[in-house]
Amino acid sequence: MNPSFGKFQRIITNPILFKFFILQRLSAAFWAGLNIQHFDNKTCVVRVKKSWFNQNPFNSMYFAVEAMAAEMSCGMLAFSQVYERKPTISMLIEKIEASFLKKASGIILFTCEDGEAIKNTIEAAIQSGEGTKMICKSTATNQEGIIVAEFLLTWSFKVKSKS
């Protein structure tokens, strides 16, 4: 596990520090209203509420906001493993697949439970010096617990060269 995981977790779980963090690094997520509801080394849950700012003309959440929340639910788990890491690790989304099953309105929770697999994939990249890939799943549910969307995000991790 990343030695700086605890430091990153304190930033992400503190509402004020989290707002500063996303305003600085993920400003679109700040304006779209994304928040962390739960975060530990295995699971991240991102909460977003449909508002006038993030809705489409059909009175539901804009699909790009849903994709952003799905990416954040997986990406925060990944970022927690590369945060202040030596050697530096690059992370990149190579592919995203989405299934939109129901209209997203109200409060939607995006859950990724791939923290352990992400940690192992990044450790493999460090050990081998080669790029590694993995597919993370983020499931979006509404207030009734009904799945409204599912996302599969292919992530690539690689140790940055010292040039």
C-alpha atoms as a PDB file:
ATOM      1  CA  MET A   1       0.000   0.000   0.000  1.00  0.00           C
ATOM      2  CA  ASN A   2       1.101   3.551  -0.674  1.00  0.00           C
ATOM      3  CA  PRO A   3       2.775   5.011   2.452  1.00  0.00           C
ATOM      4  CA  SER A   4       0.932   8.302   1.773  1.00  0.00           C
ATOM      5  CA  PHE A   5      -2.519   6.652   1.630  1.00  0.00           C
ATOM      6  CA  GLY A   6      -3.510   7.942   5.090  1.00  0.00           C
ATOM      7  CA  LYS A   7      -2.569  11.501   4.193  1.00  0.00           C
ATOM      8  CA  PHE A   8      -4.591  11.296   0.968  1.00  0.00           C
ATOM      9  CA  GLN A   9      -7.549   9.747   2.812  1.00  0.00           C
ATOM     10  CA  ARG A  10      -7.569  12.644   5.329  1.00  0.00           C
ATOM     11  CA  ILE A  11      -7.732  15.153   2.450  1.00  0.00           C
ATOM     12  CA  ILE A  12     -10.498  13.319   0.606  1.00  0.00           C
ATOM     13  CA  THR A  13     -12.693  12.666   3.652  1.00  0.00           C
ATOM     14  CA  ASN A  14     -12.468  16.215   5.020  1.00  0.00           C
ATOM     15  CA  PRO A  15     -15.250  18.189   3.266  1.00  0.00           C
ATOM     16  CA  ILE A  16     -13.334  21.478   3.185  1.00  0.00           C
ATOM     17  CA  LEU A  17     -10.001  19.964   2.084  1.00  0.00           C
ATOM     18  CA  PHE A  18     -11.832  17.870  -0.517  1.00  0.00           C
ATOM     19  CA  LYS A  19     -13.455  20.984  -2.028  1.00  0.00           C
ATOM     20  CA  PHE A  20     -10.038  22.654  -2.297  1.00  0.00           C
ATOM     21  CA  PHE A  21      -8.569  19.462  -3.773  1.00  0.00           C
ATOM     22  CA  ILE A  22     -11.141  19.120  -6.549  1.00  0.00           C
ATOM     23  CA  LEU A  23     -11.263  22.852  -7.246  1.00  0.00           C
ATOM     24  CA  GLN A  24      -7.504  22.730  -7.811  1.00  0.00           C
ATOM     25  CA  ARG A  25      -7.249  19.394  -9.663  1.00  0.00           C
ATOM     26  CA  LEU A  26     -10.735  18.550 -10.957  1.00  0.00           C
ATOM     27  CA  SER A  27     -12.528  21.856 -11.347  1.00  0.00           C
ATOM     28  CA  ALA A  28     -15.291  20.456 -13.594  1.00  0.00           C
ATOM     29  CA  ALA A  29     -16.160  17.981 -10.811  1.00  0.00           C
ATOM     30  CA  PHE A  30     -16.339  20.870  -8.360  1.00  0.00           C
ATOM     31  CA  TRP A  31     -18.815  22.782 -10.529  1.00  0.00           C
ATOM     32  CA  ALA A  32     -20.855  19.653 -11.307  1.00  0.00           C
ATOM     33  CA  GLY A  33     -21.356  19.049  -7.576  1.00  0.00           C
ATOM     34  CA  LEU A  34     -19.485  15.777  -7.069  1.00  0.00           C
ATOM     35  CA  ASN A  35     -18.757  14.779  -3.463  1.00  0.00           C
ATOM     36  CA  ILE A  36     -17.185  11.810  -1.721  1.00  0.00           C
ATOM     37  CA  GLN A  37     -19.718   9.953   0.421  1.00  0.00           C
ATOM     38  CA  HIS A  38     -17.416   7.098   1.450  1.00  0.00           C
ATOM     39  CA  PHE A  39     -13.716   6.406   0.941  1.00  0.00           C
ATOM     40  CA  ASP A  40     -11.407   3.689   2.230  1.00  0.00           C
ATOM     41  CA  ASN A  41      -8.700   1.497   0.698  1.00  0.00           C
ATOM     42  CA  LYS A  42     -11.263  -0.798  -0.969  1.00  0.00           C
ATOM     43  CA  THR A  43     -14.295   1.320  -1.832  1.00  0.00           C
ATOM     44  CA  CYS A  44     -15.115   4.811  -3.031  1.00  0.00           C
ATOM     45  CA  VAL A  45     -18.642   6.181  -3.286  1.00  0.00           C
ATOM     46  CA  VAL A  46     -19.183   9.457  -5.140  1.00  0.00           C
ATOM     47  CA  ARG A  47     -22.428  11.338  -4.605  1.00  0.00           C
ATOM     48  CA  VAL A  48     -23.961  13.728  -7.109  1.00  0.00           C
ATOM     49  CA  LYS A  49     -27.347  15.391  -7.063  1.00  0.00           C
ATOM     50  CA  LYS A  50     -29.120  16.428 -10.237  1.00  0.00           C
ATOM     51  CA  SER A  51     -29.327  20.209 -10.362  1.00  0.00           C
ATOM     52  CA  TRP A  52     -30.015  22.909 -12.912  1.00  0.00           C
ATOM     53  CA  PHE A  53     -26.266  23.057 -13.568  1.00  0.00           C
ATOM     54  CA  ASN A  54     -25.719  19.371 -14.419  1.00  0.00           C
ATOM     55  CA  GLN A  55     -28.995  18.439 -16.110  1.00  0.00           C
ATOM     56  CA  ASN A  56     -29.792  17.833 -19.746  1.00  0.00           C
ATOM     57  CA  PRO A  57     -32.871  19.105 -21.673  1.00  0.00           C
ATOM     58  CA  PHE A  58     -34.729  15.898 -20.734  1.00  0.00           C
ATOM     59  CA  ASN A  59     -34.736  16.741 -17.014  1.00  0.00           C
ATOM     60  CA  SER A  60     -32.177  14.115 -16.029  1.00  0.00           C
ATOM     61  CA  MET A  61     -28.487  14.198 -15.235  1.00  0.00           C
ATOM     62  CA  TYR A  62     -26.220  14.930 -18.194  1.00  0.00           C
ATOM     63  CA  PHE A  63     -24.369  11.766 -19.238  1.00  0.00           C
ATOM     64  CA  ALA A  64     -20.980  13.499 -19.021  1.00  0.00           C
ATOM     65  CA  VAL A  65     -21.594  14.254 -15.331  1.00  0.00           C
ATOM     66  CA  GLU A  66     -22.404  10.578 -14.779  1.00  0.00           C
ATOM     67  CA  ALA A  67     -19.184   9.582 -16.561  1.00  0.00           C
ATOM     68  CA  MET A  68     -17.233  12.090 -14.474  1.00  0.00           C
ATOM     69  CA  ALA A  69     -18.643  10.644 -11.251  1.00  0.00           C
ATOM     70  CA  ALA A  70     -17.907   7.086 -12.397  1.00  0.00           C
ATOM     71  CA  GLU A  71     -14.339   8.073 -13.244  1.00  0.00           C
ATOM     72  CA  MET A  72     -13.933   9.764  -9.859  1.00  0.00           C
ATOM     73  CA  SER A  73     -15.187   6.717  -7.944  1.00  0.00           C
ATOM     74  CA  CYS A  74     -12.479   4.556  -9.537  1.00  0.00           C
ATOM     75  CA  GLY A  75      -9.922   7.320  -9.958  1.00  0.00           C
ATOM     76  CA  MET A  76      -9.804   8.307  -6.288  1.00  0.00           C
ATOM     77  CA  LEU A  77      -8.934   4.715  -5.389  1.00  0.00           C
ATOM     78  CA  ALA A  78      -6.182   4.766  -8.008  1.00  0.00           C
ATOM     79  CA  PHE A  79      -4.931   8.223  -7.066  1.00  0.00           C
ATOM     80  CA  SER A  80      -4.702   7.168  -3.420  1.00  0.00           C
ATOM     81  CA  GLN A  81      -2.156   4.542  -4.491  1.00  0.00           C
ATOM     82  CA  VAL A  82      -0.037   6.907  -6.624  1.00  0.00           C
ATOM     83  CA  TYR A  83      -0.289  10.012  -4.395  1.00  0.00           C
ATOM     84  CA  GLU A  84       3.228  11.252  -3.476  1.00  0.00           C
ATOM     85  CA  ARG A  85       4.571   7.846  -4.556  1.00  0.00           C
ATOM     86  CA  LYS A  86       8.234   7.300  -5.362  1.00  0.00           C
ATOM     87  CA  PRO A  87       8.752   6.289  -8.092  1.00  0.00           C
ATOM     88  CA  THR A  88       6.104   8.459  -9.717  1.00  0.00           C
ATOM     89  CA  ILE A  89       3.297   6.515 -11.388  1.00  0.00           C
ATOM     90  CA  SER A  90       1.244   7.829 -14.288  1.00  0.00           C
ATOM     91  CA  MET A  91      -2.410   6.839 -14.568  1.00  0.00           C
ATOM     92  CA  LEU A  92      -4.615   7.210 -17.594  1.00  0.00           C
ATOM     93  CA  ILE A  93      -8.037   6.082 -18.751  1.00  0.00           C
ATOM     94  CA  GLU A  94      -7.729   4.228 -22.046  1.00  0.00           C
ATOM     95  CA  LYS A  95     -11.335   3.213 -22.530  1.00  0.00           C
ATOM     96  CA  ILE A  96     -14.755   3.764 -21.023  1.00  0.00           C
ATOM     97  CA  GLU A  97     -17.905   1.766 -21.606  1.00  0.00           C
ATOM     98  CA  ALA A  98     -21.266   2.817 -20.228  1.00  0.00           C
ATOM     99  CA  SER A  99     -24.729   1.344 -19.968  1.00  0.00           C
ATOM    100  CA  PHE A 100     -27.468   3.792 -19.056  1.00  0.00           C
ATOM    101  CA  LEU A 101     -30.329   1.746 -17.644  1.00  0.00           C
ATOM    102  CA  LYS A 102     -32.689   4.316 -16.087  1.00  0.00           C
ATOM    103  CA  LYS A 103     -33.163   8.058 -15.988  1.00  0.00           C
ATOM    104  CA  ALA A 104     -30.712   9.589 -13.496  1.00  0.00           C
ATOM    105  CA  SER A 105     -32.458  12.153 -11.336  1.00  0.00           C
ATOM    106  CA  GLY A 106     -32.298  13.065  -7.687  1.00  0.00           C
ATOM    107  CA  ILE A 107     -29.253  11.840  -5.781  1.00  0.00           C
ATOM    108  CA  ILE A 108     -27.087   9.252  -7.543  1.00  0.00           C
ATOM    109  CA  LEU A 109     -24.306   7.241  -5.871  1.00  0.00           C
ATOM    110  CA  PHE A 110     -21.417   5.904  -7.956  1.00  0.00           C
ATOM    111  CA  THR A 111     -19.668   3.001  -6.249  1.00  0.00           C
ATOM    112  CA  CYS A 112     -16.352   1.387  -7.128  1.00  0.00           C
ATOM    113  CA  GLU A 113     -15.169  -1.527  -4.988  1.00  0.00           C
ATOM    114  CA  ASP A 114     -11.944  -2.287  -6.864  1.00  0.00           C
ATOM    115  CA  GLY A 115      -9.468  -0.732  -4.417  1.00  0.00           C
ATOM    116  CA  GLU A 116      -7.593  -3.957  -3.698  1.00  0.00           C
ATOM    117  CA  ALA A 117      -7.274  -4.841  -7.405  1.00  0.00           C
ATOM    118  CA  ILE A 118      -6.089  -1.301  -8.187  1.00  0.00           C
ATOM    119  CA  LYS A 119      -3.426  -1.523  -5.465  1.00  0.00           C
ATOM    120  CA  ASN A 120      -2.228  -4.888  -6.806  1.00  0.00           C
ATOM    121  CA  THR A 121      -2.136  -3.613 -10.404  1.00  0.00           C
ATOM    122  CA  ILE A 122      -0.077  -0.560  -9.431  1.00  0.00           C
ATOM    123  CA  GLU A 123       2.276  -2.723  -7.339  1.00  0.00           C
ATOM    124  CA  ALA A 124       2.732  -4.989 -10.387  1.00  0.00           C
ATOM    125  CA  ALA A 125       3.636  -1.937 -12.508  1.00  0.00           C
ATOM    126  CA  ILE A 126       6.230  -0.881  -9.934  1.00  0.00           C
ATOM    127  CA  GLN A 127       7.708  -4.391  -9.639  1.00  0.00           C
ATOM    128  CA  SER A 128       7.897  -5.040 -13.384  1.00  0.00           C
ATOM    129  CA  GLY A 129       8.684  -1.525 -14.590  1.00  0.00           C
ATOM    130  CA  GLU A 130       6.144  -2.206 -17.342  1.00  0.00           C
ATOM    131  CA  GLY A 131       2.780  -0.614 -17.927  1.00  0.00           C
ATOM    132  CA  THR A 132      -0.195  -2.455 -16.480  1.00  0.00           C
ATOM    133  CA  LYS A 133      -3.895  -2.233 -17.253  1.00  0.00           C
ATOM    134  CA  MET A 134      -7.079  -3.110 -15.466  1.00  0.00           C
ATOM    135  CA  ILE A 135     -10.810  -2.641 -15.826  1.00  0.00           C
ATOM    136  CA  CYS A 136     -12.663  -0.983 -12.953  1.00  0.00           C
ATOM    137  CA  LYS A 137     -16.416  -1.056 -12.513  1.00  0.00           C
ATOM    138  CA  SER A 138     -18.513   1.808 -11.196  1.00  0.00           C
ATOM    139  CA  THR A 139     -22.196   1.213 -10.496  1.00  0.00           C
ATOM    140  CA  ALA A 140     -24.614   4.143 -10.238  1.00  0.00           C
ATOM    141  CA  THR A 141     -27.692   3.751  -8.064  1.00  0.00           C
ATOM    142  CA  ASN A 142     -30.537   6.120  -7.265  1.00  0.00           C
ATOM    143  CA  GLN A 143     -32.088   6.831  -3.849  1.00  0.00           C
ATOM    144  CA  GLU A 144     -34.229   3.693  -4.106  1.00  0.00           C
ATOM    145  CA  GLY A 145     -31.136   1.540  -4.679  1.00  0.00           C
ATOM    146  CA  ILE A 146     -32.040   0.928  -8.321  1.00  0.00           C
ATOM    147  CA  ILE A 147     -29.097   0.713 -10.730  1.00  0.00           C
ATOM    148  CA  VAL A 148     -29.327   3.593 -13.215  1.00  0.00           C
ATOM    149  CA  ALA A 149     -25.976   3.109 -14.987  1.00  0.00           C
ATOM    150  CA  GLU A 150     -22.901   0.908 -15.082  1.00  0.00           C
ATOM    151  CA  PHE A 151     -19.453   1.972 -16.228  1.00  0.00           C
ATOM    152  CA  LEU A 152     -16.377  -0.053 -17.114  1.00  0.00           C
ATOM    153  CA  LEU A 153     -13.200   2.030 -17.152  1.00  0.00           C
ATOM    154  CA  THR A 154      -9.924   0.652 -18.481  1.00  0.00           C
ATOM    155  CA  TRP A 155      -7.035   2.210 -16.561  1.00  0.00           C
ATOM    156  CA  SER A 156      -3.357   2.134 -17.479  1.00  0.00           C
ATOM    157  CA  PHE A 157      -0.587   2.558 -14.888  1.00  0.00           C
ATOM    158  CA  LYS A 158       3.087   3.038 -15.645  1.00  0.00           C
ATOM    159  CA  VAL A 159       6.201   4.040 -13.739  1.00  0.00           C
ATOM    160  CA  LYS A 160       7.382   7.365 -15.137  1.00  0.00           C
ATOM    161  CA  SER A 161      10.866   7.366 -16.555  1.00  0.00           C
ATOM    162  CA  LYS A 162      13.516   9.589 -14.960  1.00  0.00           C
ATOM    163  CA  SER A 163      14.238  11.832 -17.956  1.00  0.00           C
END
